[in-house]
Amino acid sequence: MSRMARPSPAKSCRRGRVRSSFALDGHDYEIDLTNESAAELRSAFRRYIDAGPSGRSAGREHARGDGRTAAVG
């Protein structure tokens, strides 16, 4: 089973834009979006996030290419 996408909190970049990052299938992505587009992205991910397990990784694990999680550290 592959990992679900989990958007991370957006970081500020240029005025009126936010940098949003998320991971999907073991790949990390970071994109600059307008506030409106960032809200649309969060809305699009919401049903998948709500269906996935709750809680967040403390950063000690990274997704592997096969969808499993590997401990780091």
PDB file of N, CA and C in Angstrom:
ATOM      1  N   MET A   1       0.856  -1.178   0.000  1.00  0.00           N
ATOM      2  CA  MET A   1       0.000   0.000   0.000  1.00  0.00           C
ATOM      3  C   MET A   1       0.903   1.243   0.000  1.00  0.00           C
ATOM      4  N   SER A   2       0.620   2.207  -0.808  1.00  0.00           N
ATOM      5  CA  SER A   2       1.441   3.410  -0.866  1.00  0.00           C
ATOM      6  C   SER A   2       1.053   4.392   0.225  1.00  0.00           C
ATOM      7  N   ARG A   3       1.987   5.256   0.548  1.00  0.00           N
ATOM      8  CA  ARG A   3       1.735   6.271   1.570  1.00  0.00           C
ATOM      9  C   ARG A   3       0.810   7.331   1.016  1.00  0.00           C
ATOM     10  N   MET A   4      -0.003   7.872   1.892  1.00  0.00           N
ATOM     11  CA  MET A   4      -0.909   8.954   1.510  1.00  0.00           C
ATOM     12  C   MET A   4      -0.127  10.266   1.481  1.00  0.00           C
ATOM     13  N   ALA A   5      -0.582  11.196   0.693  1.00  0.00           N
ATOM     14  CA  ALA A   5       0.018  12.519   0.668  1.00  0.00           C
ATOM     15  C   ALA A   5      -0.347  13.240   1.946  1.00  0.00           C
ATOM     16  N   ARG A   6       0.607  13.916   2.526  1.00  0.00           N
ATOM     17  CA  ARG A   6       0.380  14.693   3.737  1.00  0.00           C
ATOM     18  C   ARG A   6       0.995  16.069   3.532  1.00  0.00           C
ATOM     19  N   PRO A   7       0.210  17.085   3.241  1.00  0.00           N
ATOM     20  CA  PRO A   7       0.780  18.418   3.105  1.00  0.00           C
ATOM     21  C   PRO A   7       1.350  18.876   4.433  1.00  0.00           C
ATOM     22  N   SER A   8       2.492  19.492   4.402  1.00  0.00           N
ATOM     23  CA  SER A   8       3.053  20.033   5.636  1.00  0.00           C
ATOM     24  C   SER A   8       2.627  21.488   5.759  1.00  0.00           C
ATOM     25  N   PRO A   9       2.807  22.063   6.953  1.00  0.00           N
ATOM     26  CA  PRO A   9       2.424  23.471   7.112  1.00  0.00           C
ATOM     27  C   PRO A   9       3.140  24.344   6.090  1.00  0.00           C
ATOM     28  N   ALA A  10       2.430  25.278   5.549  1.00  0.00           N
ATOM     29  CA  ALA A  10       2.999  26.167   4.536  1.00  0.00           C
ATOM     30  C   ALA A  10       3.953  27.160   5.177  1.00  0.00           C
ATOM     31  N   LYS A  11       4.988  27.510   4.446  1.00  0.00           N
ATOM     32  CA  LYS A  11       5.937  28.517   4.898  1.00  0.00           C
ATOM     33  C   LYS A  11       5.730  29.767   4.052  1.00  0.00           C
ATOM     34  N   SER A  12       5.974  30.910   4.647  1.00  0.00           N
ATOM     35  CA  SER A  12       5.824  32.151   3.897  1.00  0.00           C
ATOM     36  C   SER A  12       6.954  32.292   2.891  1.00  0.00           C
ATOM     37  N   CYS A  13       6.656  32.791   1.736  1.00  0.00           N
ATOM     38  CA  CYS A  13       7.670  33.158   0.762  1.00  0.00           C
ATOM     39  C   CYS A  13       7.350  34.581   0.325  1.00  0.00           C
ATOM     40  N   ARG A  14       7.154  34.828  -0.939  1.00  0.00           N
ATOM     41  CA  ARG A  14       6.838  36.186  -1.371  1.00  0.00           C
ATOM     42  C   ARG A  14       5.472  36.613  -0.871  1.00  0.00           C
ATOM     43  N   ARG A  15       5.286  37.909  -0.770  1.00  0.00           N
ATOM     44  CA  ARG A  15       4.016  38.463  -0.288  1.00  0.00           C
ATOM     45  C   ARG A  15       2.837  37.907  -1.089  1.00  0.00           C
ATOM     46  N   GLY A  16       1.828  37.415  -0.370  1.00  0.00           N
ATOM     47  CA  GLY A  16       0.647  36.886  -1.022  1.00  0.00           C
ATOM     48  C   GLY A  16       0.801  35.469  -1.542  1.00  0.00           C
ATOM     49  N   ARG A  17       1.946  34.857  -1.272  1.00  0.00           N
ATOM     50  CA  ARG A  17       2.196  33.487  -1.716  1.00  0.00           C
ATOM     51  C   ARG A  17       2.702  32.682  -0.528  1.00  0.00           C
ATOM     52  N   VAL A  18       2.500  31.391  -0.584  1.00  0.00           N
ATOM     53  CA  VAL A  18       3.009  30.494   0.449  1.00  0.00           C
ATOM     54  C   VAL A  18       3.759  29.348  -0.225  1.00  0.00           C
ATOM     55  N   ARG A  19       4.764  28.847   0.455  1.00  0.00           N
ATOM     56  CA  ARG A  19       5.484  27.672  -0.024  1.00  0.00           C
ATOM     57  C   ARG A  19       4.860  26.472   0.661  1.00  0.00           C
ATOM     58  N   SER A  20       4.317  25.581  -0.107  1.00  0.00           N
ATOM     59  CA  SER A  20       3.673  24.382   0.421  1.00  0.00           C
ATOM     60  C   SER A  20       4.518  23.172   0.061  1.00  0.00           C
ATOM     61  N   SER A  21       4.670  22.274   1.016  1.00  0.00           N
ATOM     62  CA  SER A  21       5.412  21.051   0.739  1.00  0.00           C
ATOM     63  C   SER A  21       4.560  19.853   1.112  1.00  0.00           C
ATOM     64  N   PHE A  22       4.758  18.770   0.383  1.00  0.00           N
ATOM     65  CA  PHE A  22       4.027  17.541   0.650  1.00  0.00           C
ATOM     66  C   PHE A  22       4.853  16.380   0.118  1.00  0.00           C
ATOM     67  N   ALA A  23       4.508  15.188   0.554  1.00  0.00           N
ATOM     68  CA  ALA A  23       5.190  13.981   0.092  1.00  0.00           C
ATOM     69  C   ALA A  23       4.155  13.019  -0.464  1.00  0.00           C
ATOM     70  N   LEU A  24       4.542  12.315  -1.503  1.00  0.00           N
ATOM     71  CA  LEU A  24       3.660  11.329  -2.114  1.00  0.00           C
ATOM     72  C   LEU A  24       4.529  10.206  -2.661  1.00  0.00           C
ATOM     73  N   ASP A  25       4.223   8.988  -2.275  1.00  0.00           N
ATOM     74  CA  ASP A  25       4.956   7.813  -2.753  1.00  0.00           C
ATOM     75  C   ASP A  25       6.464   7.932  -2.536  1.00  0.00           C
ATOM     76  N   GLY A  26       6.852   8.487  -1.407  1.00  0.00           N
ATOM     77  CA  GLY A  26       8.265   8.573  -1.061  1.00  0.00           C
ATOM     78  C   GLY A  26       9.019   9.725  -1.696  1.00  0.00           C
ATOM     79  N   HIS A  27       8.330  10.607  -2.389  1.00  0.00           N
ATOM     80  CA  HIS A  27       8.966  11.763  -3.021  1.00  0.00           C
ATOM     81  C   HIS A  27       8.451  13.034  -2.359  1.00  0.00           C
ATOM     82  N   ASP A  28       9.363  13.946  -2.044  1.00  0.00           N
ATOM     83  CA  ASP A  28       9.000  15.221  -1.432  1.00  0.00           C
ATOM     84  C   ASP A  28       8.849  16.280  -2.515  1.00  0.00           C
ATOM     85  N   TYR A  29       7.843  17.117  -2.363  1.00  0.00           N
ATOM     86  CA  TYR A  29       7.575  18.203  -3.304  1.00  0.00           C
ATOM     87  C   TYR A  29       7.417  19.503  -2.533  1.00  0.00           C
ATOM     88  N   GLU A  30       7.855  20.591  -3.118  1.00  0.00           N
ATOM     89  CA  GLU A  30       7.701  21.919  -2.524  1.00  0.00           C
ATOM     90  C   GLU A  30       7.351  22.878  -3.652  1.00  0.00           C
ATOM     91  N   ILE A  31       6.230  23.578  -3.490  1.00  0.00           N
ATOM     92  CA  ILE A  31       5.774  24.481  -4.541  1.00  0.00           C
ATOM     93  C   ILE A  31       5.318  25.799  -3.933  1.00  0.00           C
ATOM     94  N   ASP A  32       5.484  26.870  -4.682  1.00  0.00           N
ATOM     95  CA  ASP A  32       4.996  28.184  -4.271  1.00  0.00           C
ATOM     96  C   ASP A  32       3.607  28.376  -4.866  1.00  0.00           C
ATOM     97  N   LEU A  33       2.658  28.755  -4.018  1.00  0.00           N
ATOM     98  CA  LEU A  33       1.276  28.935  -4.443  1.00  0.00           C
ATOM     99  C   LEU A  33       0.728  30.249  -3.919  1.00  0.00           C
ATOM    100  N   THR A  34      -0.289  30.760  -4.585  1.00  0.00           N
ATOM    101  CA  THR A  34      -1.025  31.880  -4.007  1.00  0.00           C
ATOM    102  C   THR A  34      -1.803  31.331  -2.817  1.00  0.00           C
ATOM    103  N   ASN A  35      -2.265  32.204  -1.947  1.00  0.00           N
ATOM    104  CA  ASN A  35      -3.063  31.761  -0.804  1.00  0.00           C
ATOM    105  C   ASN A  35      -4.295  30.986  -1.274  1.00  0.00           C
ATOM    106  N   GLU A  36      -4.914  31.454  -2.343  1.00  0.00           N
ATOM    107  CA  GLU A  36      -6.107  30.789  -2.878  1.00  0.00           C
ATOM    108  C   GLU A  36      -5.774  29.392  -3.407  1.00  0.00           C
ATOM    109  N   SER A  37      -4.683  29.274  -4.153  1.00  0.00           N
ATOM    110  CA  SER A  37      -4.288  27.969  -4.688  1.00  0.00           C
ATOM    111  C   SER A  37      -3.879  27.008  -3.577  1.00  0.00           C
ATOM    112  N   ALA A  38      -3.228  27.524  -2.543  1.00  0.00           N
ATOM    113  CA  ALA A  38      -2.850  26.683  -1.403  1.00  0.00           C
ATOM    114  C   ALA A  38      -4.095  26.129  -0.715  1.00  0.00           C
ATOM    115  N   ALA A  39      -5.117  26.953  -0.583  1.00  0.00           N
ATOM    116  CA  ALA A  39      -6.374  26.498   0.021  1.00  0.00           C
ATOM    117  C   ALA A  39      -7.025  25.426  -0.852  1.00  0.00           C
ATOM    118  N   GLU A  40      -6.962  25.589  -2.175  1.00  0.00           N
ATOM    119  CA  GLU A  40      -7.512  24.585  -3.089  1.00  0.00           C
ATOM    120  C   GLU A  40      -6.755  23.265  -2.971  1.00  0.00           C
ATOM    121  N   LEU A  41      -5.423  23.339  -2.852  1.00  0.00           N
ATOM    122  CA  LEU A  41      -4.618  22.127  -2.704  1.00  0.00           C
ATOM    123  C   LEU A  41      -4.979  21.399  -1.409  1.00  0.00           C
ATOM    124  N   ARG A  42      -5.078  22.147  -0.315  1.00  0.00           N
ATOM    125  CA  ARG A  42      -5.461  21.539   0.966  1.00  0.00           C
ATOM    126  C   ARG A  42      -6.839  20.897   0.872  1.00  0.00           C
ATOM    127  N   SER A  43      -7.751  21.567   0.198  1.00  0.00           N
ATOM    128  CA  SER A  43      -9.101  21.034   0.034  1.00  0.00           C
ATOM    129  C   SER A  43      -9.075  19.737  -0.783  1.00  0.00           C
ATOM    130  N   ALA A  44      -8.256  19.708  -1.828  1.00  0.00           N
ATOM    131  CA  ALA A  44      -8.156  18.512  -2.666  1.00  0.00           C
ATOM    132  C   ALA A  44      -7.585  17.329  -1.886  1.00  0.00           C
ATOM    133  N   PHE A  45      -6.632  17.581  -0.988  1.00  0.00           N
ATOM    134  CA  PHE A  45      -6.019  16.519  -0.187  1.00  0.00           C
ATOM    135  C   PHE A  45      -6.874  16.104   1.007  1.00  0.00           C
ATOM    136  N   ARG A  46      -7.791  16.948   1.424  1.00  0.00           N
ATOM    137  CA  ARG A  46      -8.516  16.744   2.687  1.00  0.00           C
ATOM    138  C   ARG A  46      -9.151  15.369   2.809  1.00  0.00           C
ATOM    139  N   ARG A  47      -9.848  14.902   1.792  1.00  0.00           N
ATOM    140  CA  ARG A  47     -10.540  13.607   1.919  1.00  0.00           C
ATOM    141  C   ARG A  47      -9.557  12.460   2.086  1.00  0.00           C
ATOM    142  N   TYR A  48      -8.378  12.563   1.494  1.00  0.00           N
ATOM    143  CA  TYR A  48      -7.370  11.517   1.634  1.00  0.00           C
ATOM    144  C   TYR A  48      -6.697  11.589   3.009  1.00  0.00           C
ATOM    145  N   ILE A  49      -6.438  12.791   3.461  1.00  0.00           N
ATOM    146  CA  ILE A  49      -5.838  12.970   4.786  1.00  0.00           C
ATOM    147  C   ILE A  49      -6.789  12.472   5.859  1.00  0.00           C
ATOM    148  N   ASP A  50      -8.059  12.821   5.720  1.00  0.00           N
ATOM    149  CA  ASP A  50      -9.051  12.384   6.705  1.00  0.00           C
ATOM    150  C   ASP A  50      -9.193  10.866   6.733  1.00  0.00           C
ATOM    151  N   ALA A  51      -8.986  10.204   5.607  1.00  0.00           N
ATOM    152  CA  ALA A  51      -9.121   8.750   5.536  1.00  0.00           C
ATOM    153  C   ALA A  51      -7.876   8.019   6.037  1.00  0.00           C
ATOM    154  N   GLY A  52      -6.745   8.724   6.104  1.00  0.00           N
ATOM    155  CA  GLY A  52      -5.503   8.095   6.537  1.00  0.00           C
ATOM    156  C   GLY A  52      -5.374   8.051   8.045  1.00  0.00           C
ATOM    157  N   PRO A  53      -4.320   7.397   8.535  1.00  0.00           N
ATOM    158  CA  PRO A  53      -4.102   7.334   9.977  1.00  0.00           C
ATOM    159  C   PRO A  53      -3.782   8.717  10.535  1.00  0.00           C
ATOM    160  N   SER A  54      -4.189   8.954  11.770  1.00  0.00           N
ATOM    161  CA  SER A  54      -3.924  10.258  12.379  1.00  0.00           C
ATOM    162  C   SER A  54      -2.531  10.272  12.983  1.00  0.00           C
ATOM    163  N   GLY A  55      -2.048  11.461  13.294  1.00  0.00           N
ATOM    164  CA  GLY A  55      -0.725  11.614  13.882  1.00  0.00           C
ATOM    165  C   GLY A  55       0.279  12.004  12.824  1.00  0.00           C
ATOM    166  N   ARG A  56       1.399  12.515  13.291  1.00  0.00           N
ATOM    167  CA  ARG A  56       2.457  12.948  12.384  1.00  0.00           C
ATOM    168  C   ARG A  56       3.758  12.314  12.793  1.00  0.00           C
ATOM    169  N   SER A  57       4.595  12.072  11.845  1.00  0.00           N
ATOM    170  CA  SER A  57       5.925  11.549  12.115  1.00  0.00           C
ATOM    171  C   SER A  57       6.754  12.647  12.752  1.00  0.00           C
ATOM    172  N   ALA A  58       7.619  12.263  13.664  1.00  0.00           N
ATOM    173  CA  ALA A  58       8.501  13.227  14.321  1.00  0.00           C
ATOM    174  C   ALA A  58       9.739  13.486  13.482  1.00  0.00           C
ATOM    175  N   GLY A  59       9.738  13.039  12.230  1.00  0.00           N
ATOM    176  CA  GLY A  59      10.875  13.282  11.356  1.00  0.00           C
ATOM    177  C   GLY A  59      11.937  12.203  11.454  1.00  0.00           C
ATOM    178  N   ARG A  60      11.679  11.127  12.167  1.00  0.00           N
ATOM    179  CA  ARG A  60      12.652  10.061  12.338  1.00  0.00           C
ATOM    180  C   ARG A  60      12.461   8.956  11.310  1.00  0.00           C
ATOM    181  N   GLU A  61      11.462   9.076  10.470  1.00  0.00           N
ATOM    182  CA  GLU A  61      11.199   8.058   9.467  1.00  0.00           C
ATOM    183  C   GLU A  61      11.049   8.723   8.105  1.00  0.00           C
ATOM    184  N   HIS A  62      11.447   8.021   7.099  1.00  0.00           N
ATOM    185  CA  HIS A  62      11.306   8.521   5.732  1.00  0.00           C
ATOM    186  C   HIS A  62      10.643   7.438   4.901  1.00  0.00           C
ATOM    187  N   ALA A  63       9.845   7.841   3.959  1.00  0.00           N
ATOM    188  CA  ALA A  63       9.191   6.871   3.085  1.00  0.00           C
ATOM    189  C   ALA A  63      10.211   6.262   2.146  1.00  0.00           C
ATOM    190  N   ARG A  64      10.073   4.975   1.893  1.00  0.00           N
ATOM    191  CA  ARG A  64      10.909   4.280   0.935  1.00  0.00           C
ATOM    192  C   ARG A  64      10.168   4.217  -0.384  1.00  0.00           C
ATOM    193  N   GLY A  65      10.870   3.970  -1.453  1.00  0.00           N
ATOM    194  CA  GLY A  65      10.259   3.910  -2.770  1.00  0.00           C
ATOM    195  C   GLY A  65       9.184   2.852  -2.905  1.00  0.00           C
ATOM    196  N   ASP A  66       9.218   1.815  -2.046  1.00  0.00           N
ATOM    197  CA  ASP A  66       8.215   0.758  -2.144  1.00  0.00           C
ATOM    198  C   ASP A  66       6.986   1.047  -1.300  1.00  0.00           C
ATOM    199  N   GLY A  67       6.902   2.252  -0.732  1.00  0.00           N
ATOM    200  CA  GLY A  67       5.733   2.643   0.049  1.00  0.00           C
ATOM    201  C   GLY A  67       5.829   2.315   1.521  1.00  0.00           C
ATOM    202  N   ARG A  68       6.849   1.518   1.907  1.00  0.00           N
ATOM    203  CA  ARG A  68       7.026   1.223   3.328  1.00  0.00           C
ATOM    204  C   ARG A  68       7.825   2.343   3.968  1.00  0.00           C
ATOM    205  N   THR A  69       7.843   2.361   5.283  1.00  0.00           N
ATOM    206  CA  THR A  69       8.563   3.391   6.011  1.00  0.00           C
ATOM    207  C   THR A  69       9.841   2.801   6.585  1.00  0.00           C
ATOM    208  N   ALA A  70      10.937   3.512   6.418  1.00  0.00           N
ATOM    209  CA  ALA A  70      12.213   3.055   6.950  1.00  0.00           C
ATOM    210  C   ALA A  70      12.662   3.988   8.060  1.00  0.00           C
ATOM    211  N   ALA A  71      13.125   3.418   9.167  1.00  0.00           N
ATOM    212  CA  ALA A  71      13.626   4.230  10.277  1.00  0.00           C
ATOM    213  C   ALA A  71      14.957   4.847   9.882  1.00  0.00           C
ATOM    214  N   VAL A  72      15.188   6.061  10.331  1.00  0.00           N
ATOM    215  CA  VAL A  72      16.427   6.779  10.055  1.00  0.00           C
ATOM    216  C   VAL A  72      17.028   7.190  11.376  1.00  0.00           C
ATOM    217  N   GLY A  73      18.319   7.124  11.480  1.00  0.00           N
ATOM    218  CA  GLY A  73      18.868   7.692  12.681  1.00  0.00           C
ATOM    219  C   GLY A  73      19.836   6.895  13.386  1.00  0.00           C
TER     220      GLY A  73
END
